[in-house]
Amino acid sequence: FESWLGSHETSKEVSMPARMTWDQVVLIPLRNRKPVSLKLIYAGIEDGLKGKGDYINPQLYGSDGKRGGRPDYTHSVRSTMSSLKKRGLVEHIGKGKRTGVYRITDAGVKYLEDIEP
């Protein structure tokens, strides 16, 4: 898994904004149209964004204990993914509803192009 922070800076040759939107955080790893799991998005946040500026509110790396000890940002990722799915920007793929694997749609690619710096 290549850090999407690094690949984003290289491919676009622009600096990242001081704070990314959750839509950007979730859609950037999906941009190549390959299926991506929530676990991979979480790993990208941990490996690619944590400690590299305030791309995500640093307080979200903690846990309030309400989500089985998972970091608080996992709730934000899941909530954002649900919103993007309802808006037709991503599609849930795989067998069963609990696979946690998603792919960006054409509308999602266009939206990501519009919101990227």
PDB file of N, CA and C in Angstrom:
ATOM      1  N   PHE A   1       0.851  -1.194   0.000  1.00  0.00           N
ATOM      2  CA  PHE A   1       0.000   0.000   0.000  1.00  0.00           C
ATOM      3  C   PHE A   1       0.879   1.233   0.000  1.00  0.00           C
ATOM      4  N   GLU A   2       0.747   2.026  -1.040  1.00  0.00           N
ATOM      5  CA  GLU A   2       1.523   3.261  -1.139  1.00  0.00           C
ATOM      6  C   GLU A   2       0.777   4.352  -0.398  1.00  0.00           C
ATOM      7  N   SER A   3       1.517   5.104   0.384  1.00  0.00           N
ATOM      8  CA  SER A   3       0.888   6.193   1.128  1.00  0.00           C
ATOM      9  C   SER A   3       0.213   7.142   0.152  1.00  0.00           C
ATOM     10  N   TRP A   4      -1.091   7.350   0.329  1.00  0.00           N
ATOM     11  CA  TRP A   4      -1.789   8.205  -0.619  1.00  0.00           C
ATOM     12  C   TRP A   4      -1.433   9.644  -0.415  1.00  0.00           C
ATOM     13  N   LEU A   5      -0.875   9.975   0.720  1.00  0.00           N
ATOM     14  CA  LEU A   5      -0.395  11.344   0.879  1.00  0.00           C
ATOM     15  C   LEU A   5       0.753  11.584  -0.084  1.00  0.00           C
ATOM     16  N   GLY A   6       1.706  10.665  -0.108  1.00  0.00           N
ATOM     17  CA  GLY A   6       2.855  10.800  -1.004  1.00  0.00           C
ATOM     18  C   GLY A   6       2.453  10.735  -2.457  1.00  0.00           C
ATOM     19  N   SER A   7       1.599   9.775  -2.805  1.00  0.00           N
ATOM     20  CA  SER A   7       1.197   9.645  -4.196  1.00  0.00           C
ATOM     21  C   SER A   7       0.365  10.842  -4.633  1.00  0.00           C
ATOM     22  N   HIS A   8      -0.391  11.410  -3.699  1.00  0.00           N
ATOM     23  CA  HIS A   8      -1.202  12.580  -4.035  1.00  0.00           C
ATOM     24  C   HIS A   8      -0.294  13.762  -4.354  1.00  0.00           C
ATOM     25  N   GLU A   9       0.693  14.002  -3.524  1.00  0.00           N
ATOM     26  CA  GLU A   9       1.583  15.131  -3.761  1.00  0.00           C
ATOM     27  C   GLU A   9       2.375  14.943  -5.045  1.00  0.00           C
ATOM     28  N   THR A  10       2.810  13.722  -5.321  1.00  0.00           N
ATOM     29  CA  THR A  10       3.596  13.457  -6.517  1.00  0.00           C
ATOM     30  C   THR A  10       2.749  13.586  -7.775  1.00  0.00           C
ATOM     31  N   SER A  11       1.568  12.998  -7.745  1.00  0.00           N
ATOM     32  CA  SER A  11       0.768  12.977  -8.962  1.00  0.00           C
ATOM     33  C   SER A  11       0.179  14.342  -9.297  1.00  0.00           C
ATOM     34  N   LYS A  12      -0.177  15.111  -8.313  1.00  0.00           N
ATOM     35  CA  LYS A  12      -0.788  16.402  -8.567  1.00  0.00           C
ATOM     36  C   LYS A  12       0.223  17.548  -8.511  1.00  0.00           C
ATOM     37  N   GLU A  13       1.373  17.297  -7.878  1.00  0.00           N
ATOM     38  CA  GLU A  13       2.423  18.289  -7.722  1.00  0.00           C
ATOM     39  C   GLU A  13       1.907  19.578  -7.104  1.00  0.00           C
ATOM     40  N   VAL A  14       1.094  19.416  -6.074  1.00  0.00           N
ATOM     41  CA  VAL A  14       0.612  20.554  -5.302  1.00  0.00           C
ATOM     42  C   VAL A  14       0.746  20.197  -3.835  1.00  0.00           C
ATOM     43  N   SER A  15       0.765  21.207  -2.988  1.00  0.00           N
ATOM     44  CA  SER A  15       0.817  20.918  -1.565  1.00  0.00           C
ATOM     45  C   SER A  15      -0.590  20.661  -1.060  1.00  0.00           C
ATOM     46  N   MET A  16      -0.670  19.853  -0.014  1.00  0.00           N
ATOM     47  CA  MET A  16      -1.966  19.514   0.553  1.00  0.00           C
ATOM     48  C   MET A  16      -2.494  20.694   1.355  1.00  0.00           C
ATOM     49  N   PRO A  17      -3.809  20.800   1.465  1.00  0.00           N
ATOM     50  CA  PRO A  17      -4.389  21.854   2.287  1.00  0.00           C
ATOM     51  C   PRO A  17      -4.073  21.598   3.758  1.00  0.00           C
ATOM     52  N   ALA A  18      -4.193  22.630   4.564  1.00  0.00           N
ATOM     53  CA  ALA A  18      -3.917  22.488   5.993  1.00  0.00           C
ATOM     54  C   ALA A  18      -4.813  21.438   6.623  1.00  0.00           C
ATOM     55  N   ARG A  19      -6.032  21.349   6.203  1.00  0.00           N
ATOM     56  CA  ARG A  19      -6.967  20.359   6.743  1.00  0.00           C
ATOM     57  C   ARG A  19      -7.745  19.763   5.580  1.00  0.00           C
ATOM     58  N   MET A  20      -7.740  18.452   5.467  1.00  0.00           N
ATOM     59  CA  MET A  20      -8.485  17.790   4.402  1.00  0.00           C
ATOM     60  C   MET A  20      -9.931  17.605   4.839  1.00  0.00           C
ATOM     61  N   THR A  21     -10.841  17.602   3.867  1.00  0.00           N
ATOM     62  CA  THR A  21     -12.217  17.253   4.188  1.00  0.00           C
ATOM     63  C   THR A  21     -12.300  15.736   4.286  1.00  0.00           C
ATOM     64  N   TRP A  22     -13.314  15.239   4.982  1.00  0.00           N
ATOM     65  CA  TRP A  22     -13.474  13.795   5.065  1.00  0.00           C
ATOM     66  C   TRP A  22     -13.778  13.210   3.693  1.00  0.00           C
ATOM     67  N   ASP A  23     -14.462  13.950   2.840  1.00  0.00           N
ATOM     68  CA  ASP A  23     -14.704  13.471   1.481  1.00  0.00           C
ATOM     69  C   ASP A  23     -13.368  13.204   0.780  1.00  0.00           C
ATOM     70  N   GLN A  24     -12.409  14.113   0.917  1.00  0.00           N
ATOM     71  CA  GLN A  24     -11.090  13.920   0.313  1.00  0.00           C
ATOM     72  C   GLN A  24     -10.373  12.719   0.924  1.00  0.00           C
ATOM     73  N   VAL A  25     -10.399  12.627   2.241  1.00  0.00           N
ATOM     74  CA  VAL A  25      -9.716  11.527   2.930  1.00  0.00           C
ATOM     75  C   VAL A  25     -10.215  10.180   2.420  1.00  0.00           C
ATOM     76  N   VAL A  26     -11.519  10.063   2.205  1.00  0.00           N
ATOM     77  CA  VAL A  26     -12.108   8.795   1.788  1.00  0.00           C
ATOM     78  C   VAL A  26     -11.958   8.564   0.282  1.00  0.00           C
ATOM     79  N   LEU A  27     -12.099   9.598  -0.524  1.00  0.00           N
ATOM     80  CA  LEU A  27     -12.075   9.418  -1.972  1.00  0.00           C
ATOM     81  C   LEU A  27     -10.673   9.306  -2.575  1.00  0.00           C
ATOM     82  N   ILE A  28      -9.695   9.952  -1.994  1.00  0.00           N
ATOM     83  CA  ILE A  28      -8.341   9.924  -2.577  1.00  0.00           C
ATOM     84  C   ILE A  28      -7.825   8.492  -2.769  1.00  0.00           C
ATOM     85  N   PRO A  29      -7.947   7.598  -1.769  1.00  0.00           N
ATOM     86  CA  PRO A  29      -7.452   6.242  -2.010  1.00  0.00           C
ATOM     87  C   PRO A  29      -8.277   5.445  -3.024  1.00  0.00           C
ATOM     88  N   LEU A  30      -9.461   5.933  -3.366  1.00  0.00           N
ATOM     89  CA  LEU A  30     -10.315   5.253  -4.344  1.00  0.00           C
ATOM     90  C   LEU A  30     -10.109   5.768  -5.765  1.00  0.00           C
ATOM     91  N   ARG A  31      -9.333   6.810  -5.926  1.00  0.00           N
ATOM     92  CA  ARG A  31      -9.261   7.506  -7.209  1.00  0.00           C
ATOM     93  C   ARG A  31      -8.836   6.641  -8.383  1.00  0.00           C
ATOM     94  N   ASN A  32      -8.063   5.574  -8.148  1.00  0.00           N
ATOM     95  CA  ASN A  32      -7.624   4.750  -9.285  1.00  0.00           C
ATOM     96  C   ASN A  32      -8.675   3.729  -9.713  1.00  0.00           C
ATOM     97  N   ARG A  33      -9.864   3.807  -9.107  1.00  0.00           N
ATOM     98  CA  ARG A  33     -11.036   2.999  -9.464  1.00  0.00           C
ATOM     99  C   ARG A  33     -10.925   1.522  -9.080  1.00  0.00           C
ATOM    100  N   LYS A  34      -9.905   1.165  -8.315  1.00  0.00           N
ATOM    101  CA  LYS A  34      -9.796  -0.204  -7.829  1.00  0.00           C
ATOM    102  C   LYS A  34     -10.557  -0.320  -6.514  1.00  0.00           C
ATOM    103  N   PRO A  35     -11.088  -1.495  -6.217  1.00  0.00           N
ATOM    104  CA  PRO A  35     -11.788  -1.692  -4.944  1.00  0.00           C
ATOM    105  C   PRO A  35     -10.858  -1.445  -3.760  1.00  0.00           C
ATOM    106  N   VAL A  36     -11.377  -0.760  -2.761  1.00  0.00           N
ATOM    107  CA  VAL A  36     -10.600  -0.436  -1.562  1.00  0.00           C
ATOM    108  C   VAL A  36     -11.445  -0.755  -0.339  1.00  0.00           C
ATOM    109  N   SER A  37     -10.823  -1.405   0.639  1.00  0.00           N
ATOM    110  CA  SER A  37     -11.535  -1.743   1.871  1.00  0.00           C
ATOM    111  C   SER A  37     -11.401  -0.615   2.884  1.00  0.00           C
ATOM    112  N   LEU A  38     -12.341  -0.582   3.809  1.00  0.00           N
ATOM    113  CA  LEU A  38     -12.253   0.394   4.902  1.00  0.00           C
ATOM    114  C   LEU A  38     -10.956   0.199   5.679  1.00  0.00           C
ATOM    115  N   LYS A  39     -10.527  -1.052   5.865  1.00  0.00           N
ATOM    116  CA  LYS A  39      -9.281  -1.316   6.587  1.00  0.00           C
ATOM    117  C   LYS A  39      -8.098  -0.658   5.902  1.00  0.00           C
ATOM    118  N   LEU A  40      -8.091  -0.655   4.578  1.00  0.00           N
ATOM    119  CA  LEU A  40      -7.004  -0.023   3.842  1.00  0.00           C
ATOM    120  C   LEU A  40      -7.055   1.498   3.995  1.00  0.00           C
ATOM    121  N   ILE A  41      -8.246   2.047   4.025  1.00  0.00           N
ATOM    122  CA  ILE A  41      -8.386   3.495   4.250  1.00  0.00           C
ATOM    123  C   ILE A  41      -7.891   3.838   5.651  1.00  0.00           C
ATOM    124  N   TYR A  42      -8.258   3.023   6.644  1.00  0.00           N
ATOM    125  CA  TYR A  42      -7.770   3.263   8.005  1.00  0.00           C
ATOM    126  C   TYR A  42      -6.248   3.199   8.053  1.00  0.00           C
ATOM    127  N   ALA A  43      -5.661   2.208   7.377  1.00  0.00           N
ATOM    128  CA  ALA A  43      -4.202   2.069   7.359  1.00  0.00           C
ATOM    129  C   ALA A  43      -3.558   3.287   6.700  1.00  0.00           C
ATOM    130  N   GLY A  44      -4.196   3.797   5.656  1.00  0.00           N
ATOM    131  CA  GLY A  44      -3.672   4.982   4.983  1.00  0.00           C
ATOM    132  C   GLY A  44      -3.689   6.199   5.884  1.00  0.00           C
ATOM    133  N   ILE A  45      -4.710   6.306   6.696  1.00  0.00           N
ATOM    134  CA  ILE A  45      -4.784   7.418   7.638  1.00  0.00           C
ATOM    135  C   ILE A  45      -3.661   7.288   8.659  1.00  0.00           C
ATOM    136  N   GLU A  46      -3.492   6.097   9.195  1.00  0.00           N
ATOM    137  CA  GLU A  46      -2.443   5.872  10.191  1.00  0.00           C
ATOM    138  C   GLU A  46      -1.052   6.069   9.593  1.00  0.00           C
ATOM    139  N   ASP A  47      -0.802   5.479   8.413  1.00  0.00           N
ATOM    140  CA  ASP A  47       0.530   5.515   7.815  1.00  0.00           C
ATOM    141  C   ASP A  47       0.813   6.803   7.061  1.00  0.00           C
ATOM    142  N   GLY A  48      -0.208   7.335   6.395  1.00  0.00           N
ATOM    143  CA  GLY A  48       0.029   8.445   5.490  1.00  0.00           C
ATOM    144  C   GLY A  48      -0.262   9.818   6.034  1.00  0.00           C
ATOM    145  N   LEU A  49      -1.114   9.920   7.047  1.00  0.00           N
ATOM    146  CA  LEU A  49      -1.526  11.241   7.501  1.00  0.00           C
ATOM    147  C   LEU A  49      -1.144  11.537   8.943  1.00  0.00           C
ATOM    148  N   LYS A  50      -1.106  10.534   9.782  1.00  0.00           N
ATOM    149  CA  LYS A  50      -0.827  10.760  11.200  1.00  0.00           C
ATOM    150  C   LYS A  50       0.584  11.323  11.373  1.00  0.00           C
ATOM    151  N   GLY A  51       0.651  12.422  12.086  1.00  0.00           N
ATOM    152  CA  GLY A  51       1.943  13.036  12.368  1.00  0.00           C
ATOM    153  C   GLY A  51       2.525  13.840  11.222  1.00  0.00           C
ATOM    154  N   LYS A  52       1.776  14.043  10.145  1.00  0.00           N
ATOM    155  CA  LYS A  52       2.283  14.798   8.987  1.00  0.00           C
ATOM    156  C   LYS A  52       1.442  16.034   8.767  1.00  0.00           C
ATOM    157  N   GLY A  53       1.285  16.809   9.788  1.00  0.00           N
ATOM    158  CA  GLY A  53       0.469  18.011   9.683  1.00  0.00           C
ATOM    159  C   GLY A  53      -0.923  17.750  10.199  1.00  0.00           C
ATOM    160  N   ASP A  54      -1.724  18.752  10.166  1.00  0.00           N
ATOM    161  CA  ASP A  54      -3.091  18.648  10.681  1.00  0.00           C
ATOM    162  C   ASP A  54      -4.074  18.343   9.562  1.00  0.00           C
ATOM    163  N   TYR A  55      -3.746  17.353   8.718  1.00  0.00           N
ATOM    164  CA  TYR A  55      -4.669  16.979   7.650  1.00  0.00           C
ATOM    165  C   TYR A  55      -5.979  16.498   8.237  1.00  0.00           C
ATOM    166  N   ILE A  56      -5.879  15.833   9.394  1.00  0.00           N
ATOM    167  CA  ILE A  56      -7.039  15.369  10.144  1.00  0.00           C
ATOM    168  C   ILE A  56      -6.859  15.869  11.567  1.00  0.00           C
ATOM    169  N   ASN A  57      -7.950  16.255  12.187  1.00  0.00           N
ATOM    170  CA  ASN A  57      -7.889  16.715  13.575  1.00  0.00           C
ATOM    171  C   ASN A  57      -7.168  15.662  14.426  1.00  0.00           C
ATOM    172  N   PRO A  58      -6.015  16.014  15.014  1.00  0.00           N
ATOM    173  CA  PRO A  58      -5.235  15.033  15.783  1.00  0.00           C
ATOM    174  C   PRO A  58      -6.005  14.366  16.925  1.00  0.00           C
ATOM    175  N   GLN A  59      -7.022  15.013  17.440  1.00  0.00           N
ATOM    176  CA  GLN A  59      -7.804  14.421  18.526  1.00  0.00           C
ATOM    177  C   GLN A  59      -8.540  13.158  18.068  1.00  0.00           C
ATOM    178  N   LEU A  60      -8.768  13.012  16.771  1.00  0.00           N
ATOM    179  CA  LEU A  60      -9.502  11.863  16.262  1.00  0.00           C
ATOM    180  C   LEU A  60      -8.678  10.579  16.240  1.00  0.00           C
ATOM    181  N   TYR A  61      -7.386  10.659  16.548  1.00  0.00           N
ATOM    182  CA  TYR A  61      -6.569   9.448  16.631  1.00  0.00           C
ATOM    183  C   TYR A  61      -6.766   8.739  17.957  1.00  0.00           C
ATOM    184  N   GLY A  62      -7.392   9.407  18.912  1.00  0.00           N
ATOM    185  CA  GLY A  62      -7.671   8.797  20.207  1.00  0.00           C
ATOM    186  C   GLY A  62      -8.927   7.957  20.137  1.00  0.00           C
ATOM    187  N   SER A  63      -9.315   7.412  21.270  1.00  0.00           N
ATOM    188  CA  SER A  63     -10.522   6.607  21.341  1.00  0.00           C
ATOM    189  C   SER A  63     -11.288   6.988  22.591  1.00  0.00           C
ATOM    190  N   ASP A  64     -12.594   7.152  22.422  1.00  0.00           N
ATOM    191  CA  ASP A  64     -13.425   7.469  23.585  1.00  0.00           C
ATOM    192  C   ASP A  64     -13.991   6.205  24.222  1.00  0.00           C
ATOM    193  N   GLY A  65     -13.619   5.038  23.678  1.00  0.00           N
ATOM    194  CA  GLY A  65     -14.066   3.771  24.235  1.00  0.00           C
ATOM    195  C   GLY A  65     -15.435   3.326  23.769  1.00  0.00           C
ATOM    196  N   LYS A  66     -16.120   4.127  22.977  1.00  0.00           N
ATOM    197  CA  LYS A  66     -17.481   3.795  22.534  1.00  0.00           C
ATOM    198  C   LYS A  66     -17.502   2.883  21.305  1.00  0.00           C
ATOM    199  N   ARG A  67     -16.393   2.719  20.646  1.00  0.00           N
ATOM    200  CA  ARG A  67     -16.357   1.945  19.398  1.00  0.00           C
ATOM    201  C   ARG A  67     -15.426   0.743  19.522  1.00  0.00           C
ATOM    202  N   GLY A  68     -15.481   0.077  20.628  1.00  0.00           N
ATOM    203  CA  GLY A  68     -14.654  -1.102  20.816  1.00  0.00           C
ATOM    204  C   GLY A  68     -13.168  -0.799  20.836  1.00  0.00           C
ATOM    205  N   GLY A  69     -12.795   0.392  21.236  1.00  0.00           N
ATOM    206  CA  GLY A  69     -11.387   0.764  21.295  1.00  0.00           C
ATOM    207  C   GLY A  69     -10.816   1.248  19.973  1.00  0.00           C
ATOM    208  N   ARG A  70     -11.630   1.275  18.905  1.00  0.00           N
ATOM    209  CA  ARG A  70     -11.147   1.781  17.616  1.00  0.00           C
ATOM    210  C   ARG A  70     -10.962   3.291  17.699  1.00  0.00           C
ATOM    211  N   PRO A  71      -9.990   3.834  16.946  1.00  0.00           N
ATOM    212  CA  PRO A  71      -9.808   5.289  16.933  1.00  0.00           C
ATOM    213  C   PRO A  71     -11.081   6.000  16.478  1.00  0.00           C
ATOM    214  N   ASP A  72     -11.291   7.193  16.975  1.00  0.00           N
ATOM    215  CA  ASP A  72     -12.497   7.950  16.670  1.00  0.00           C
ATOM    216  C   ASP A  72     -12.658   8.246  15.182  1.00  0.00           C
ATOM    217  N   TYR A  73     -11.533   8.363  14.441  1.00  0.00           N
ATOM    218  CA  TYR A  73     -11.661   8.681  13.021  1.00  0.00           C
ATOM    219  C   TYR A  73     -12.382   7.575  12.250  1.00  0.00           C
ATOM    220  N   THR A  74     -12.394   6.343  12.766  1.00  0.00           N
ATOM    221  CA  THR A  74     -13.087   5.267  12.038  1.00  0.00           C
ATOM    222  C   THR A  74     -14.574   5.575  11.888  1.00  0.00           C
ATOM    223  N   HIS A  75     -15.157   6.199  12.894  1.00  0.00           N
ATOM    224  CA  HIS A  75     -16.568   6.593  12.798  1.00  0.00           C
ATOM    225  C   HIS A  75     -16.742   7.643  11.697  1.00  0.00           C
ATOM    226  N   SER A  76     -15.818   8.602  11.624  1.00  0.00           N
ATOM    227  CA  SER A  76     -15.902   9.639  10.587  1.00  0.00           C
ATOM    228  C   SER A  76     -15.766   9.035   9.196  1.00  0.00           C
ATOM    229  N   VAL A  77     -14.865   8.072   9.035  1.00  0.00           N
ATOM    230  CA  VAL A  77     -14.683   7.416   7.730  1.00  0.00           C
ATOM    231  C   VAL A  77     -15.962   6.676   7.338  1.00  0.00           C
ATOM    232  N   ARG A  78     -16.523   5.914   8.260  1.00  0.00           N
ATOM    233  CA  ARG A  78     -17.724   5.131   7.956  1.00  0.00           C
ATOM    234  C   ARG A  78     -18.919   6.043   7.651  1.00  0.00           C
ATOM    235  N   SER A  79     -19.056   7.100   8.405  1.00  0.00           N
ATOM    236  CA  SER A  79     -20.145   8.052   8.190  1.00  0.00           C
ATOM    237  C   SER A  79     -19.997   8.733   6.826  1.00  0.00           C
ATOM    238  N   THR A  80     -18.773   9.139   6.504  1.00  0.00           N
ATOM    239  CA  THR A  80     -18.519   9.786   5.218  1.00  0.00           C
ATOM    240  C   THR A  80     -18.782   8.819   4.073  1.00  0.00           C
ATOM    241  N   MET A  81     -18.329   7.582   4.221  1.00  0.00           N
ATOM    242  CA  MET A  81     -18.546   6.582   3.165  1.00  0.00           C
ATOM    243  C   MET A  81     -20.040   6.372   2.939  1.00  0.00           C
ATOM    244  N   SER A  82     -20.812   6.330   4.002  1.00  0.00           N
ATOM    245  CA  SER A  82     -22.264   6.169   3.883  1.00  0.00           C
ATOM    246  C   SER A  82     -22.871   7.349   3.125  1.00  0.00           C
ATOM    247  N   SER A  83     -22.432   8.560   3.451  1.00  0.00           N
ATOM    248  CA  SER A  83     -22.930   9.750   2.770  1.00  0.00           C
ATOM    249  C   SER A  83     -22.554   9.736   1.288  1.00  0.00           C
ATOM    250  N   LEU A  84     -21.307   9.365   0.986  1.00  0.00           N
ATOM    251  CA  LEU A  84     -20.853   9.315  -0.407  1.00  0.00           C
ATOM    252  C   LEU A  84     -21.645   8.271  -1.195  1.00  0.00           C
ATOM    253  N   LYS A  85     -21.955   7.159  -0.553  1.00  0.00           N
ATOM    254  CA  LYS A  85     -22.735   6.097  -1.207  1.00  0.00           C
ATOM    255  C   LYS A  85     -24.149   6.596  -1.516  1.00  0.00           C
ATOM    256  N   LYS A  86     -24.775   7.270  -0.571  1.00  0.00           N
ATOM    257  CA  LYS A  86     -26.121   7.800  -0.786  1.00  0.00           C
ATOM    258  C   LYS A  86     -26.145   8.830  -1.905  1.00  0.00           C
ATOM    259  N   ARG A  87     -25.054   9.545  -2.087  1.00  0.00           N
ATOM    260  CA  ARG A  87     -24.956  10.576  -3.134  1.00  0.00           C
ATOM    261  C   ARG A  87     -24.509   9.993  -4.470  1.00  0.00           C
ATOM    262  N   GLY A  88     -24.265   8.671  -4.524  1.00  0.00           N
ATOM    263  CA  GLY A  88     -23.879   8.021  -5.769  1.00  0.00           C
ATOM    264  C   GLY A  88     -22.428   8.227  -6.150  1.00  0.00           C
ATOM    265  N   LEU A  89     -21.575   8.601  -5.206  1.00  0.00           N
ATOM    266  CA  LEU A  89     -20.170   8.884  -5.499  1.00  0.00           C
ATOM    267  C   LEU A  89     -19.266   7.669  -5.289  1.00  0.00           C
ATOM    268  N   VAL A  90     -19.741   6.696  -4.510  1.00  0.00           N
ATOM    269  CA  VAL A  90     -19.050   5.417  -4.349  1.00  0.00           C
ATOM    270  C   VAL A  90     -20.103   4.323  -4.402  1.00  0.00           C
ATOM    271  N   GLU A  91     -19.650   3.111  -4.683  1.00  0.00           N
ATOM    272  CA  GLU A  91     -20.546   1.967  -4.645  1.00  0.00           C
ATOM    273  C   GLU A  91     -19.944   0.906  -3.743  1.00  0.00           C
ATOM    274  N   HIS A  92     -20.818   0.254  -2.998  1.00  0.00           N
ATOM    275  CA  HIS A  92     -20.414  -0.840  -2.125  1.00  0.00           C
ATOM    276  C   HIS A  92     -20.351  -2.087  -2.983  1.00  0.00           C
ATOM    277  N   ILE A  93     -19.212  -2.769  -2.974  1.00  0.00           N
ATOM    278  CA  ILE A  93     -19.072  -3.962  -3.809  1.00  0.00           C
ATOM    279  C   ILE A  93     -18.703  -5.148  -2.934  1.00  0.00           C
ATOM    280  N   GLY A  94     -18.754  -6.311  -3.493  1.00  0.00           N
ATOM    281  CA  GLY A  94     -18.428  -7.519  -2.749  1.00  0.00           C
ATOM    282  C   GLY A  94     -19.689  -8.233  -2.317  1.00  0.00           C
ATOM    283  N   LYS A  95     -19.503  -9.425  -1.839  1.00  0.00           N
ATOM    284  CA  LYS A  95     -20.635 -10.230  -1.390  1.00  0.00           C
ATOM    285  C   LYS A  95     -21.010  -9.830   0.021  1.00  0.00           C
ATOM    286  N   GLY A  96     -22.272  -9.718   0.271  1.00  0.00           N
ATOM    287  CA  GLY A  96     -22.744  -9.359   1.603  1.00  0.00           C
ATOM    288  C   GLY A  96     -22.614  -7.876   1.851  1.00  0.00           C
ATOM    289  N   LYS A  97     -23.371  -7.390   2.795  1.00  0.00           N
ATOM    290  CA  LYS A  97     -23.378  -5.960   3.075  1.00  0.00           C
ATOM    291  C   LYS A  97     -22.265  -5.547   4.025  1.00  0.00           C
ATOM    292  N   ARG A  98     -21.595  -6.490   4.654  1.00  0.00           N
ATOM    293  CA  ARG A  98     -20.612  -6.139   5.665  1.00  0.00           C
ATOM    294  C   ARG A  98     -19.178  -6.349   5.188  1.00  0.00           C
ATOM    295  N   THR A  99     -18.949  -6.336   3.887  1.00  0.00           N
ATOM    296  CA  THR A  99     -17.599  -6.561   3.384  1.00  0.00           C
ATOM    297  C   THR A  99     -16.706  -5.343   3.563  1.00  0.00           C
ATOM    298  N   GLY A 100     -17.279  -4.142   3.572  1.00  0.00           N
ATOM    299  CA  GLY A 100     -16.479  -2.940   3.742  1.00  0.00           C
ATOM    300  C   GLY A 100     -15.570  -2.643   2.567  1.00  0.00           C
ATOM    301  N   VAL A 101     -15.954  -3.056   1.360  1.00  0.00           N
ATOM    302  CA  VAL A 101     -15.156  -2.798   0.163  1.00  0.00           C
ATOM    303  C   VAL A 101     -15.958  -1.880  -0.758  1.00  0.00           C
ATOM    304  N   TYR A 102     -15.300  -0.827  -1.240  1.00  0.00           N
ATOM    305  CA  TYR A 102     -15.973   0.198  -2.037  1.00  0.00           C
ATOM    306  C   TYR A 102     -15.166   0.529  -3.287  1.00  0.00           C
ATOM    307  N   ARG A 103     -15.850   1.117  -4.262  1.00  0.00           N
ATOM    308  CA  ARG A 103     -15.221   1.583  -5.496  1.00  0.00           C
ATOM    309  C   ARG A 103     -15.846   2.928  -5.841  1.00  0.00           C
ATOM    310  N   ILE A 104     -15.038   3.826  -6.371  1.00  0.00           N
ATOM    311  CA  ILE A 104     -15.518   5.151  -6.755  1.00  0.00           C
ATOM    312  C   ILE A 104     -16.314   5.045  -8.058  1.00  0.00           C
ATOM    313  N   THR A 105     -17.326   5.881  -8.217  1.00  0.00           N
ATOM    314  CA  THR A 105     -18.118   5.926  -9.444  1.00  0.00           C
ATOM    315  C   THR A 105     -17.597   7.053 -10.334  1.00  0.00           C
ATOM    316  N   ASP A 106     -18.106   7.131 -11.553  1.00  0.00           N
ATOM    317  CA  ASP A 106     -17.728   8.232 -12.452  1.00  0.00           C
ATOM    318  C   ASP A 106     -18.067   9.578 -11.809  1.00  0.00           C
ATOM    319  N   ALA A 107     -19.237   9.640 -11.178  1.00  0.00           N
ATOM    320  CA  ALA A 107     -19.634  10.883 -10.504  1.00  0.00           C
ATOM    321  C   ALA A 107     -18.674  11.204  -9.362  1.00  0.00           C
ATOM    322  N   GLY A 108     -18.190  10.176  -8.670  1.00  0.00           N
ATOM    323  CA  GLY A 108     -17.236  10.375  -7.583  1.00  0.00           C
ATOM    324  C   GLY A 108     -15.902  10.899  -8.087  1.00  0.00           C
ATOM    325  N   VAL A 109     -15.444  10.395  -9.228  1.00  0.00           N
ATOM    326  CA  VAL A 109     -14.191  10.886  -9.824  1.00  0.00           C
ATOM    327  C   VAL A 109     -14.324  12.363 -10.165  1.00  0.00           C
ATOM    328  N   LYS A 110     -15.447  12.718 -10.784  1.00  0.00           N
ATOM    329  CA  LYS A 110     -15.687  14.127 -11.150  1.00  0.00           C
ATOM    330  C   LYS A 110     -15.732  15.000  -9.902  1.00  0.00           C
ATOM    331  N   TYR A 111     -16.433  14.532  -8.876  1.00  0.00           N
ATOM    332  CA  TYR A 111     -16.531  15.282  -7.624  1.00  0.00           C
ATOM    333  C   TYR A 111     -15.149  15.460  -6.991  1.00  0.00           C
ATOM    334  N   LEU A 112     -14.340  14.404  -6.961  1.00  0.00           N
ATOM    335  CA  LEU A 112     -12.999  14.501  -6.382  1.00  0.00           C
ATOM    336  C   LEU A 112     -12.142  15.503  -7.157  1.00  0.00           C
ATOM    337  N   GLU A 113     -12.229  15.493  -8.484  1.00  0.00           N
ATOM    338  CA  GLU A 113     -11.494  16.468  -9.289  1.00  0.00           C
ATOM    339  C   GLU A 113     -11.917  17.891  -8.937  1.00  0.00           C
ATOM    340  N   ASP A 114     -13.211  18.078  -8.667  1.00  0.00           N
ATOM    341  CA  ASP A 114     -13.730  19.411  -8.341  1.00  0.00           C
ATOM    342  C   ASP A 114     -13.295  19.899  -6.966  1.00  0.00           C
ATOM    343  N   ILE A 115     -13.091  18.981  -6.000  1.00  0.00           N
ATOM    344  CA  ILE A 115     -12.771  19.423  -4.636  1.00  0.00           C
ATOM    345  C   ILE A 115     -11.285  19.385  -4.321  1.00  0.00           C
ATOM    346  N   GLU A 116     -10.481  18.797  -5.206  1.00  0.00           N
ATOM    347  CA  GLU A 116      -9.047  18.770  -4.940  1.00  0.00           C
ATOM    348  C   GLU A 116      -8.444  20.150  -5.188  1.00  0.00           C
ATOM    349  N   PRO A 117      -7.404  20.469  -4.405  1.00  0.00           N
ATOM    350  CA  PRO A 117      -6.774  21.786  -4.579  1.00  0.00           C
ATOM    351  C   PRO A 117      -6.082  21.914  -5.916  1.00  0.00           C
TER     352      PRO A 117
END
